[in-house]
C-alpha atoms as a PDB file:
ATOM      1  CA  MET A   1       0.032   0.016   0.094  1.00  0.00           C
ATOM      2  CA  GLN A   2       1.443   3.370  -1.044  1.00  0.00           C
ATOM      3  CA  GLU A   3       1.886   6.017   1.615  1.00  0.00           C
ATOM      4  CA  ILE A   4      -0.944   8.831   1.268  1.00  0.00           C
ATOM      5  CA  HIS A   5      -0.142  12.403   2.028  1.00  0.00           C
ATOM      6  CA  TYR A   6      -2.713  14.858   3.235  1.00  0.00           C
ATOM      7  CA  PHE A   7      -3.092  18.776   2.424  1.00  0.00           C
ATOM      8  CA  PRO A   8      -5.948  20.633   4.226  1.00  0.00           C
ATOM      9  CA  ALA A   9      -7.181  23.581   2.083  1.00  0.00           C
ATOM     10  CA  LYS A  10      -5.593  26.829   2.585  1.00  0.00           C
ATOM     11  CA  ARG A  11      -8.968  28.602   2.629  1.00  0.00           C
ATOM     12  CA  LYS A  12     -11.574  26.752   4.459  1.00  0.00           C
ATOM     13  CA  LEU A  13     -15.373  27.484   4.238  1.00  0.00           C
ATOM     14  CA  ALA A  14     -16.852  27.730   7.692  1.00  0.00           C
ATOM     15  CA  SER A  15     -20.086  25.564   7.438  1.00  0.00           C
ATOM     16  CA  PRO A  16     -20.103  23.521   4.231  1.00  0.00           C
ATOM     17  CA  TYR A  17     -23.264  21.472   3.540  1.00  0.00           C
ATOM     18  CA  PHE A  18     -21.407  19.180   1.059  1.00  0.00           C
ATOM     19  CA  SER A  19     -17.962  17.893   1.126  1.00  0.00           C
ATOM     20  CA  ILE A  20     -17.524  17.055  -2.525  1.00  0.00           C
ATOM     21  CA  LEU A  21     -15.060  14.184  -3.003  1.00  0.00           C
ATOM     22  CA  ILE A  22     -13.369  13.710  -6.324  1.00  0.00           C
ATOM     23  CA  PRO A  23     -10.777  10.894  -7.066  1.00  0.00           C
ATOM     24  CA  SER A  24      -8.572  11.671 -10.075  1.00  0.00           C
ATOM     25  CA  TRP A  25      -5.667  10.048 -11.863  1.00  0.00           C
ATOM     26  CA  ASN A  26      -3.654  11.963 -14.281  1.00  0.00           C
ATOM     27  CA  ASN A  27      -6.799  13.587 -15.812  1.00  0.00           C
ATOM     28  CA  LEU A  28      -6.094  17.281 -15.373  1.00  0.00           C
ATOM     29  CA  PRO A  29      -8.287  18.561 -18.358  1.00  0.00           C
ATOM     30  CA  TYR A  30     -11.322  16.732 -17.207  1.00  0.00           C
ATOM     31  CA  LEU A  31     -10.642  17.548 -13.499  1.00  0.00           C
ATOM     32  CA  THR A  32     -10.372  21.380 -14.001  1.00  0.00           C
ATOM     33  CA  LEU A  33     -13.668  21.312 -16.096  1.00  0.00           C
ATOM     34  CA  CYS A  34     -15.375  19.210 -13.432  1.00  0.00           C
ATOM     35  CA  ILE A  35     -14.240  21.788 -10.659  1.00  0.00           C
ATOM     36  CA  ASN A  36     -15.146  24.776 -12.797  1.00  0.00           C
ATOM     37  CA  SER A  37     -18.508  23.548 -13.237  1.00  0.00           C
ATOM     38  CA  ILE A  38     -18.953  23.001  -9.666  1.00  0.00           C
ATOM     39  CA  ARG A  39     -17.843  26.598  -8.901  1.00  0.00           C
ATOM     40  CA  LYS A  40     -20.206  27.800 -11.515  1.00  0.00           C
ATOM     41  CA  ASN A  41     -23.356  25.793 -11.222  1.00  0.00           C
ATOM     42  CA  SER A  42     -23.538  25.106  -7.391  1.00  0.00           C
ATOM     43  CA  ALA A  43     -25.645  27.235  -5.050  1.00  0.00           C
ATOM     44  CA  VAL A  44     -25.298  25.096  -1.829  1.00  0.00           C
ATOM     45  CA  PRO A  45     -22.217  25.752   0.368  1.00  0.00           C
ATOM     46  CA  PHE A  46     -19.585  23.013  -0.348  1.00  0.00           C
ATOM     47  CA  GLU A  47     -15.977  22.227   0.207  1.00  0.00           C
ATOM     48  CA  LEU A  48     -13.721  20.441  -2.582  1.00  0.00           C
ATOM     49  CA  ILE A  49     -11.507  17.491  -1.677  1.00  0.00           C
ATOM     50  CA  VAL A  50      -9.474  15.850  -4.344  1.00  0.00           C
ATOM     51  CA  HIS A  51      -7.407  12.545  -4.224  1.00  0.00           C
ATOM     52  CA  LEU A  52      -4.479  12.601  -6.655  1.00  0.00           C
ATOM     53  CA  ASN A  53      -3.190   9.338  -7.941  1.00  0.00           C
ATOM     54  CA  GLU A  54       0.372   9.682  -9.292  1.00  0.00           C
ATOM     55  CA  SER A  55      -0.265  13.268 -10.703  1.00  0.00           C
ATOM     56  CA  ASN A  56       2.520  13.334 -13.354  1.00  0.00           C
ATOM     57  CA  ASP A  57       0.425  15.339 -15.521  1.00  0.00           C
ATOM     58  CA  GLY A  58       0.530  18.728 -13.451  1.00  0.00           C
ATOM     59  CA  SER A  59      -2.623  17.863 -11.480  1.00  0.00           C
ATOM     60  CA  LYS A  60      -0.804  18.306  -8.186  1.00  0.00           C
ATOM     61  CA  GLU A  61       0.725  21.685  -9.204  1.00  0.00           C
ATOM     62  CA  TRP A  62      -2.756  22.911 -10.268  1.00  0.00           C
ATOM     63  CA  VAL A  63      -4.496  21.844  -7.290  1.00  0.00           C
ATOM     64  CA  GLU A  64      -1.923  23.171  -4.957  1.00  0.00           C
ATOM     65  CA  ALA A  65      -2.534  26.568  -6.481  1.00  0.00           C
ATOM     66  CA  GLN A  66      -6.364  26.432  -5.573  1.00  0.00           C
ATOM     67  CA  GLU A  67      -6.642  27.823  -2.120  1.00  0.00           C
ATOM     68  CA  ASP A  68     -10.189  26.243  -1.653  1.00  0.00           C
ATOM     69  CA  ILE A  69      -9.291  22.731  -2.394  1.00  0.00           C
ATOM     70  CA  ALA A  70      -7.999  20.139   0.148  1.00  0.00           C
ATOM     71  CA  PHE A  71      -6.388  16.994  -1.265  1.00  0.00           C
ATOM     72  CA  SER A  72      -4.741  13.698  -0.568  1.00  0.00           C
ATOM     73  CA  TYR A  73      -1.894  12.402  -2.813  1.00  0.00           C
ATOM     74  CA  SER A  74      -0.317   9.107  -3.463  1.00  0.00           C
ATOM     75  CA  TYR A  75       2.852   8.640  -5.583  1.00  0.00           C
ATOM     76  CA  LYS A  76       1.172   5.611  -7.276  1.00  0.00           C
ATOM     77  CA  ASN A  77      -2.232   4.784  -8.246  1.00  0.00           C
ATOM     78  CA  VAL A  78      -4.062   3.454  -4.943  1.00  0.00           C
ATOM     79  CA  GLY A  79      -7.324   3.111  -6.689  1.00  0.00           C
ATOM     80  CA  VAL A  80     -10.857   4.532  -6.003  1.00  0.00           C
ATOM     81  CA  CYS A  81     -11.475   2.746  -2.642  1.00  0.00           C
ATOM     82  CA  HIS A  82      -8.217   4.045  -0.879  1.00  0.00           C
ATOM     83  CA  ALA A  83      -8.851   7.207  -2.557  1.00  0.00           C
ATOM     84  CA  MET A  84     -12.412   7.701  -1.236  1.00  0.00           C
ATOM     85  CA  ASN A  85     -11.356   6.631   2.288  1.00  0.00           C
ATOM     86  CA  ALA A  86      -8.361   9.114   2.237  1.00  0.00           C
ATOM     87  CA  MET A  87     -10.766  11.917   1.206  1.00  0.00           C
ATOM     88  CA  ARG A  88     -13.044  11.112   3.930  1.00  0.00           C
ATOM     89  CA  THR A  89     -10.455  12.111   6.552  1.00  0.00           C
ATOM     90  CA  LEU A  90     -10.364  15.722   5.130  1.00  0.00           C
ATOM     91  CA  ALA A  91     -14.110  16.134   5.075  1.00  0.00           C
ATOM     92  CA  ASN A  92     -15.774  18.723   7.409  1.00  0.00           C
ATOM     93  CA  ALA A  93     -19.377  18.493   6.083  1.00  0.00           C
ATOM     94  CA  ASN A  94     -22.170  16.328   7.235  1.00  0.00           C
ATOM     95  CA  TYR A  95     -22.928  14.991   3.691  1.00  0.00           C
ATOM     96  CA  LEU A  96     -20.306  13.436   1.545  1.00  0.00           C
ATOM     97  CA  LEU A  97     -20.888  13.748  -2.002  1.00  0.00           C
ATOM     98  CA  TYR A  98     -18.889  11.469  -4.481  1.00  0.00           C
ATOM     99  CA  LEU A  99     -18.331  12.908  -7.949  1.00  0.00           C
ATOM    100  CA  ASN A 100     -16.039  11.476 -10.886  1.00  0.00           C
ATOM    101  CA  ASP A 101     -13.653  13.894 -12.335  1.00  0.00           C
ATOM    102  CA  ASP A 102     -15.208  13.309 -15.792  1.00  0.00           C
ATOM    103  CA  MET A 103     -18.466  14.803 -14.799  1.00  0.00           C
ATOM    104  CA  TYR A 104     -19.839  18.251 -15.588  1.00  0.00           C
ATOM    105  CA  VAL A 105     -22.423  19.521 -12.990  1.00  0.00           C
ATOM    106  CA  LEU A 106     -25.469  21.514 -14.164  1.00  0.00           C
ATOM    107  CA  PRO A 107     -27.536  24.156 -12.471  1.00  0.00           C
ATOM    108  CA  ASP A 108     -29.690  23.091  -9.510  1.00  0.00           C
ATOM    109  CA  TRP A 109     -27.985  19.676  -9.293  1.00  0.00           C
ATOM    110  CA  ASP A 110     -26.874  20.435  -5.744  1.00  0.00           C
ATOM    111  CA  GLN A 111     -30.073  22.182  -4.741  1.00  0.00           C
ATOM    112  CA  GLU A 112     -32.218  19.237  -5.750  1.00  0.00           C
ATOM    113  CA  LEU A 113     -30.023  16.841  -3.656  1.00  0.00           C
ATOM    114  CA  LYS A 114     -30.393  19.277  -0.423  1.00  0.00           C
ATOM    115  CA  LYS A 115     -34.039  19.490  -0.956  1.00  0.00           C
ATOM    116  CA  GLU A 116     -34.581  15.771  -0.854  1.00  0.00           C
ATOM    117  CA  ILE A 117     -32.116  15.503   2.146  1.00  0.00           C
ATOM    118  CA  ASP A 118     -33.841  18.130   4.134  1.00  0.00           C
ATOM    119  CA  SER A 119     -37.183  16.657   3.666  1.00  0.00           C
ATOM    120  CA  CYS A 120     -36.526  12.830   3.968  1.00  0.00           C
ATOM    121  CA  GLY A 121     -36.701  12.762   7.705  1.00  0.00           C
ATOM    122  CA  THR A 122     -33.689  10.235   8.026  1.00  0.00           C
ATOM    123  CA  GLN A 123     -30.006   9.960   7.821  1.00  0.00           C
ATOM    124  CA  LYS A 124     -30.514   6.457   6.382  1.00  0.00           C
ATOM    125  CA  PHE A 125     -30.561   7.338   2.702  1.00  0.00           C
ATOM    126  CA  PHE A 126     -28.367   7.100  -0.431  1.00  0.00           C
ATOM    127  CA  PHE A 127     -29.331   9.684  -3.237  1.00  0.00           C
ATOM    128  CA  SER A 128     -27.904  10.040  -6.592  1.00  0.00           C
ATOM    129  CA  SER A 129     -27.909  12.678  -9.370  1.00  0.00           C
ATOM    130  CA  THR A 130     -28.993  11.473 -12.896  1.00  0.00           C
ATOM    131  CA  MET A 131     -26.180  11.271 -15.559  1.00  0.00           C
ATOM    132  CA  ILE A 132     -26.628  12.489 -19.050  1.00  0.00           C
ATOM    133  CA  GLU A 133     -24.295  10.410 -21.167  1.00  0.00           C
ATOM    134  CA  PRO A 134     -23.554  10.122 -24.878  1.00  0.00           C
ATOM    135  CA  ARG A 135     -24.372   6.347 -24.629  1.00  0.00           C
ATOM    136  CA  ALA A 136     -26.286   5.527 -21.495  1.00  0.00           C
ATOM    137  CA  GLN A 137     -24.739   2.915 -19.552  1.00  0.00           C
ATOM    138  CA  SER A 138     -28.161   1.884 -17.915  1.00  0.00           C
ATOM    139  CA  THR A 139     -31.672   2.693 -17.507  1.00  0.00           C
ATOM    140  CA  CYS A 140     -30.812   5.069 -14.709  1.00  0.00           C
ATOM    141  CA  SER A 141     -29.148   7.613 -17.297  1.00  0.00           C
ATOM    142  CA  ILE A 142     -30.431   9.911 -19.930  1.00  0.00           C
ATOM    143  CA  GLU A 143     -29.015   9.246 -23.383  1.00  0.00           C
ATOM    144  CA  ALA A 144     -27.924  12.524 -25.161  1.00  0.00           C
ATOM    145  CA  ASP A 145     -24.825  13.104 -26.879  1.00  0.00           C
ATOM    146  CA  PHE A 146     -23.149  16.435 -25.948  1.00  0.00           C
ATOM    147  CA  GLY A 147     -19.649  15.169 -26.673  1.00  0.00           C
ATOM    148  CA  THR A 148     -17.557  12.088 -25.752  1.00  0.00           C
ATOM    149  CA  SER A 149     -14.402  14.186 -24.767  1.00  0.00           C
ATOM    150  CA  ILE A 150     -13.470  17.779 -23.971  1.00  0.00           C
ATOM    151  CA  GLU A 151     -12.536  18.334 -27.632  1.00  0.00           C
ATOM    152  CA  ASN A 152     -15.914  17.925 -28.891  1.00  0.00           C
ATOM    153  CA  PHE A 153     -17.850  19.077 -25.791  1.00  0.00           C
ATOM    154  CA  GLN A 154     -21.012  21.004 -26.844  1.00  0.00           C
ATOM    155  CA  GLU A 155     -21.167  22.967 -23.709  1.00  0.00           C
ATOM    156  CA  ASP A 156     -23.608  25.775 -24.904  1.00  0.00           C
ATOM    157  CA  LYS A 157     -25.988  23.166 -26.482  1.00  0.00           C
ATOM    158  CA  LEU A 158     -25.969  21.129 -23.284  1.00  0.00           C
ATOM    159  CA  TYR A 159     -27.061  24.407 -21.203  1.00  0.00           C
ATOM    160  CA  ASP A 160     -29.700  25.092 -23.725  1.00  0.00           C
ATOM    161  CA  THR A 161     -31.297  21.616 -23.686  1.00  0.00           C
ATOM    162  CA  TYR A 162     -30.511  19.650 -20.494  1.00  0.00           C
ATOM    163  CA  ARG A 163     -33.753  20.470 -18.986  1.00  0.00           C
ATOM    164  CA  GLN A 164     -35.902  19.318 -21.846  1.00  0.00           C
ATOM    165  CA  PHE A 165     -35.344  15.622 -21.249  1.00  0.00           C
ATOM    166  CA  GLU A 166     -38.078  14.135 -19.335  1.00  0.00           C
ATOM    167  CA  PHE A 167     -36.900  11.634 -16.630  1.00  0.00           C
ATOM    168  CA  GLN A 168     -38.626  10.498 -13.409  1.00  0.00           C
ATOM    169  CA  ASP A 169     -36.977   9.676 -10.065  1.00  0.00           C
ATOM    170  CA  TRP A 170     -35.619   6.227 -10.158  1.00  0.00           C
ATOM    171  CA  GLN A 171     -34.893   3.335  -7.688  1.00  0.00           C
ATOM    172  CA  GLY A 172     -31.436   1.954  -6.960  1.00  0.00           C
ATOM    173  CA  SER A 173     -28.859   4.489  -6.292  1.00  0.00           C
ATOM    174  CA  THR A 174     -25.456   2.972  -6.671  1.00  0.00           C
ATOM    175  CA  TRP A 175     -23.068   4.985  -8.764  1.00  0.00           C
ATOM    176  CA  PRO A 176     -21.741   8.574  -8.440  1.00  0.00           C
ATOM    177  CA  PRO A 177     -22.757  11.138  -8.194  1.00  0.00           C
ATOM    178  CA  ASN A 178     -24.168  10.119  -4.990  1.00  0.00           C
ATOM    179  CA  VAL A 179     -24.478  11.452  -1.419  1.00  0.00           C
ATOM    180  CA  VAL A 180     -24.517   9.785   2.075  1.00  0.00           C
ATOM    181  CA  HIS A 181     -24.388  11.172   5.541  1.00  0.00           C
ATOM    182  CA  LYS A 182     -20.983  11.045   7.026  1.00  0.00           C
ATOM    183  CA  ASP A 183     -22.193   8.927  10.101  1.00  0.00           C
ATOM    184  CA  LEU A 184     -23.590   6.390   7.925  1.00  0.00           C
ATOM    185  CA  TRP A 185     -20.420   6.288   5.772  1.00  0.00           C
ATOM    186  CA  ASP A 186     -18.345   5.800   9.040  1.00  0.00           C
ATOM    187  CA  LEU A 187     -20.767   3.142  10.288  1.00  0.00           C
ATOM    188  CA  VAL A 188     -20.154   0.864   7.159  1.00  0.00           C
ATOM    189  CA  GLY A 189     -16.297   1.608   6.987  1.00  0.00           C
ATOM    190  CA  GLY A 190     -16.327   3.660   3.909  1.00  0.00           C
ATOM    191  CA  TYR A 191     -15.389   1.770   0.523  1.00  0.00           C
ATOM    192  CA  SER A 192     -14.064  -1.811   0.910  1.00  0.00           C
ATOM    193  CA  VAL A 193     -10.471  -1.875  -0.077  1.00  0.00           C
ATOM    194  CA  GLU A 194     -10.678  -5.570  -1.012  1.00  0.00           C
ATOM    195  CA  PHE A 195     -12.258  -4.238  -4.161  1.00  0.00           C
ATOM    196  CA  SER A 196      -9.176  -2.201  -5.108  1.00  0.00           C
ATOM    197  CA  PRO A 197      -8.566  -0.683  -7.521  1.00  0.00           C
ATOM    198  CA  GLY A 198     -12.303  -0.247  -7.598  1.00  0.00           C
ATOM    199  CA  MET A 199     -14.552  -2.401  -9.934  1.00  0.00           C
ATOM    200  CA  TYR A 200     -17.716  -3.425  -7.891  1.00  0.00           C
ATOM    201  CA  SER A 201     -16.883  -1.298  -5.031  1.00  0.00           C
ATOM    202  CA  ASP A 202     -20.010   0.761  -5.705  1.00  0.00           C
ATOM    203  CA  PRO A 203     -22.576  -2.074  -5.326  1.00  0.00           C
ATOM    204  CA  ASP A 204     -20.542  -3.292  -2.499  1.00  0.00           C
ATOM    205  CA  PHE A 205     -20.974   0.026  -0.711  1.00  0.00           C
ATOM    206  CA  SER A 206     -24.866  -0.160  -1.391  1.00  0.00           C
ATOM    207  CA  MET A 207     -25.036  -3.737  -0.043  1.00  0.00           C
ATOM    208  CA  LYS A 208     -23.302  -2.567   3.217  1.00  0.00           C
ATOM    209  CA  LEU A 209     -25.837   0.383   3.475  1.00  0.00           C
ATOM    210  CA  TRP A 210     -28.688  -2.106   2.866  1.00  0.00           C
ATOM    211  CA  ASN A 211     -27.399  -4.352   5.804  1.00  0.00           C
ATOM    212  CA  GLN A 212     -27.498  -1.254   7.936  1.00  0.00           C
ATOM    213  CA  GLY A 213     -31.316  -0.756   7.047  1.00  0.00           C
ATOM    214  CA  VAL A 214     -31.038   1.868   4.422  1.00  0.00           C
ATOM    215  CA  ARG A 215     -34.122   1.515   2.060  1.00  0.00           C
ATOM    216  CA  LEU A 216     -34.050   4.833   0.402  1.00  0.00           C
ATOM    217  CA  PHE A 217     -31.861   4.416  -2.617  1.00  0.00           C
ATOM    218  CA  LYS A 218     -33.103   7.189  -4.845  1.00  0.00           C
ATOM    219  CA  GLY A 219     -31.974   8.883  -7.998  1.00  0.00           C
ATOM    220  CA  LEU A 220     -33.252  12.277  -8.664  1.00  0.00           C
ATOM    221  CA  GLY A 221     -34.384  13.053 -12.055  1.00  0.00           C
ATOM    222  CA  ALA A 222     -34.077  16.785 -11.597  1.00  0.00           C
ATOM    223  CA  SER A 223     -30.611  16.768 -10.399  1.00  0.00           C
ATOM    224  CA  ARG A 224     -28.309  16.270 -13.513  1.00  0.00           C
ATOM    225  CA  VAL A 225     -24.674  16.093 -14.450  1.00  0.00           C
ATOM    226  CA  TYR A 226     -23.143  15.425 -17.777  1.00  0.00           C
ATOM    227  CA  HIS A 227     -20.921  12.353 -17.713  1.00  0.00           C
ATOM    228  CA  PHE A 228     -18.129  11.895 -20.630  1.00  0.00           C
ATOM    229  CA  GLY A 229     -17.929   8.126 -19.773  1.00  0.00           C
ATOM    230  CA  SER A 230     -15.439   6.656 -17.323  1.00  0.00           C
ATOM    231  CA  ILE A 231     -12.399   8.207 -18.756  1.00  0.00           C
ATOM    232  CA  SER A 232      -9.938   6.766 -15.980  1.00  0.00           C
ATOM    233  CA  VAL A 233     -11.770   3.361 -15.864  1.00  0.00           C
ATOM    234  CA  LYS A 234     -10.723   2.677 -19.367  1.00  0.00           C
ATOM    235  CA  ARG A 235      -6.906   2.962 -18.417  1.00  0.00           C
ATOM    236  CA  VAL A 236      -6.917   1.044 -15.115  1.00  0.00           C
ATOM    237  CA  LYS A 237      -6.201  -2.797 -14.838  1.00  0.00           C
ATOM    238  CA  GLN A 238      -9.463  -4.095 -13.655  1.00  0.00           C
ATOM    239  CA  ASN A 239      -9.808  -6.160 -10.511  1.00  0.00           C
ATOM    240  CA  LYS A 240     -11.890  -9.363 -10.452  1.00  0.00           C
ATOM    241  CA  GLY A 241     -14.739  -7.580  -8.587  1.00  0.00           C
ATOM    242  CA  TYR A 242     -17.596  -9.699  -9.915  1.00  0.00           C
ATOM    243  CA  TYR A 243     -16.003 -12.846  -8.250  1.00  0.00           C
ATOM    244  CA  GLN A 244     -15.199 -10.892  -5.167  1.00  0.00           C
ATOM    245  CA  PHE A 245     -18.688  -9.733  -4.745  1.00  0.00           C
ATOM    246  CA  ILE A 246     -20.058 -13.148  -4.951  1.00  0.00           C
ATOM    247  CA  ARG A 247     -17.530 -14.489  -2.334  1.00  0.00           C
ATOM    248  CA  LYS A 248     -18.348 -11.714   0.073  1.00  0.00           C
ATOM    249  CA  TRP A 249     -22.198 -11.542  -0.285  1.00  0.00           C
ATOM    250  CA  GLY A 250     -23.195 -15.012  -1.584  1.00  0.00           C
ATOM    251  CA  MET A 251     -24.934 -13.499  -4.631  1.00  0.00           C
ATOM    252  CA  THR A 252     -24.119 -11.642  -7.764  1.00  0.00           C
ATOM    253  CA  SER A 253     -24.151  -7.834  -8.128  1.00  0.00           C
ATOM    254  CA  SER A 254     -27.083  -8.250 -10.533  1.00  0.00           C
ATOM    255  CA  THR A 255     -29.059  -9.950  -7.896  1.00  0.00           C
ATOM    256  CA  LEU A 256     -28.528  -7.023  -5.595  1.00  0.00           C
ATOM    257  CA  SER A 257     -29.431  -4.566  -8.422  1.00  0.00           C
ATOM    258  CA  LYS A 258     -32.699  -6.197  -9.583  1.00  0.00           C
ATOM    259  CA  TYR A 259     -34.261  -8.001  -6.486  1.00  0.00           C
ATOM    260  CA  TYR A 260     -32.924  -5.594  -3.579  1.00  0.00           C
ATOM    261  CA  LEU A 261     -32.311  -2.051  -5.128  1.00  0.00           C
ATOM    262  CA  ARG A 262     -34.832  -2.570  -8.145  1.00  0.00           C
ATOM    263  CA  ARG A 263     -32.300  -0.348  -9.900  1.00  0.00           C
ATOM    264  CA  GLY A 264     -33.775   1.695 -12.783  1.00  0.00           C
ATOM    265  CA  LEU A 265     -37.458   1.219 -12.009  1.00  0.00           C
ATOM    266  CA  VAL A 266     -39.454   4.410 -11.466  1.00  0.00           C
ATOM    267  CA  PHE A 267     -39.293   5.516  -7.766  1.00  0.00           C
ATOM    268  CA  ASP A 268     -42.366   4.525  -5.710  1.00  0.00           C
ATOM    269  CA  GLY A 269     -41.222   4.812  -2.272  1.00  0.00           C
ATOM    270  CA  ALA A 270     -38.837   3.220   0.135  1.00  0.00           C
ATOM    271  CA  LEU A 271     -37.675  -0.318  -0.829  1.00  0.00           C
ATOM    272  CA  GLN A 272     -39.135  -3.306   0.752  1.00  0.00           C
ATOM    273  CA  GLU A 273     -37.431  -6.701   1.630  1.00  0.00           C
ATOM    274  CA  SER A 274     -36.075  -8.535  -1.317  1.00  0.00           C
ATOM    275  CA  GLN A 275     -38.131 -11.153  -3.019  1.00  0.00           C
ATOM    276  CA  ILE A 276     -35.649 -13.570  -4.733  1.00  0.00           C
ATOM    277  CA  PRO A 277     -37.019 -16.269  -6.965  1.00  0.00           C
ATOM    278  CA  PHE A 278     -35.981 -19.833  -6.131  1.00  0.00           C
ATOM    279  CA  TRP A 279     -34.032 -20.112  -9.180  1.00  0.00           C
ATOM    280  CA  VAL A 280     -31.945 -17.185  -8.591  1.00  0.00           C
ATOM    281  CA  HIS A 281     -30.969 -18.856  -5.080  1.00  0.00           C
ATOM    282  CA  VAL A 282     -29.919 -21.848  -6.999  1.00  0.00           C
ATOM    283  CA  LYS A 283     -27.855 -19.898  -9.580  1.00  0.00           C
ATOM    284  CA  ASN A 284     -26.012 -17.947  -6.734  1.00  0.00           C
ATOM    285  CA  ALA A 285     -25.334 -21.122  -5.020  1.00  0.00           C
ATOM    286  CA  GLY A 286     -23.936 -22.635  -8.268  1.00  0.00           C
ATOM    287  CA  TYR A 287     -21.568 -19.601  -8.400  1.00  0.00           C
ATOM    288  CA  ARG A 288     -20.417 -20.067  -5.058  1.00  0.00           C
ATOM    289  CA  VAL A 289     -19.697 -23.711  -5.413  1.00  0.00           C
ATOM    290  CA  TRP A 290     -17.771 -22.862  -8.562  1.00  0.00           C
ATOM    291  CA  LEU A 291     -15.789 -20.127  -6.823  1.00  0.00           C
ATOM    292  CA  PHE A 292     -14.726 -22.695  -4.175  1.00  0.00           C
ATOM    293  CA  LEU A 293     -13.482 -25.099  -6.755  1.00  0.00           C
ATOM    294  CA  LYS A 294     -11.680 -22.217  -8.545  1.00  0.00           C
ATOM    295  CA  LYS A 295      -9.916 -20.773  -5.660  1.00  0.00           C
ATOM    296  CA  ASP A 296      -7.217 -19.299  -7.804  1.00  0.00           C
ATOM    297  CA  GLN A 297      -9.782 -16.910  -9.492  1.00  0.00           C
END
């Protein structure tokens, strides 16, 4: 495990509502675009916290020059799980908001999240914004192409049209952008480092929340960000998170998504206990037996 260094912000906000956590790995053009969009389009008080992996592209120098950004830094890429947990130690707000560096936030994104938090009456929630993506990666996203990279990003067109897409609130918050109360984060121990560098750490985090009694996994259709499409994920050597998830939880992540979180369905209230068909239990048991026999996986 690489040593992680911590740098508090030179200029701190007295009472931030959100601590916005952004892991980054040699992605300076997208990181600066992301942070500039936060500064431009956010109305709720926030503090910015970044984790820099490697930072051999000038990211560290740029972040150091920003007086309002706290950051952690590792000489090598430690992955998203260690990065998220490192940033947590620098956070001062009650609500921890996870954002990827290849996202561009849009007006009202944070106000919609705050409105939902203030009205839900519990700390046991997991809320997400809705992503607009060039190619939707799930039924939780709006598919609309405003550019697949900074070079072809149609920023003005995005501003003119992003409100026009009809999209309802949805079940199954898992991926960022998402927000959770700091006490709930600490209760489940943050992100599980056995999933490093990060594949399947998102459903694992949701499963840990579920086991602590969370039943509000809500995606907000009115809180919107543009997502260029997992810029860093395409470069990383991926872990075998699919099998790790089965070992840990005795089921596939798709079982969690479909039968627990009902991910992508229209939001109709707090989730109920899962109703898993018998054949799914059999299928999951078969996976567990296979993994036991293939211990080298």
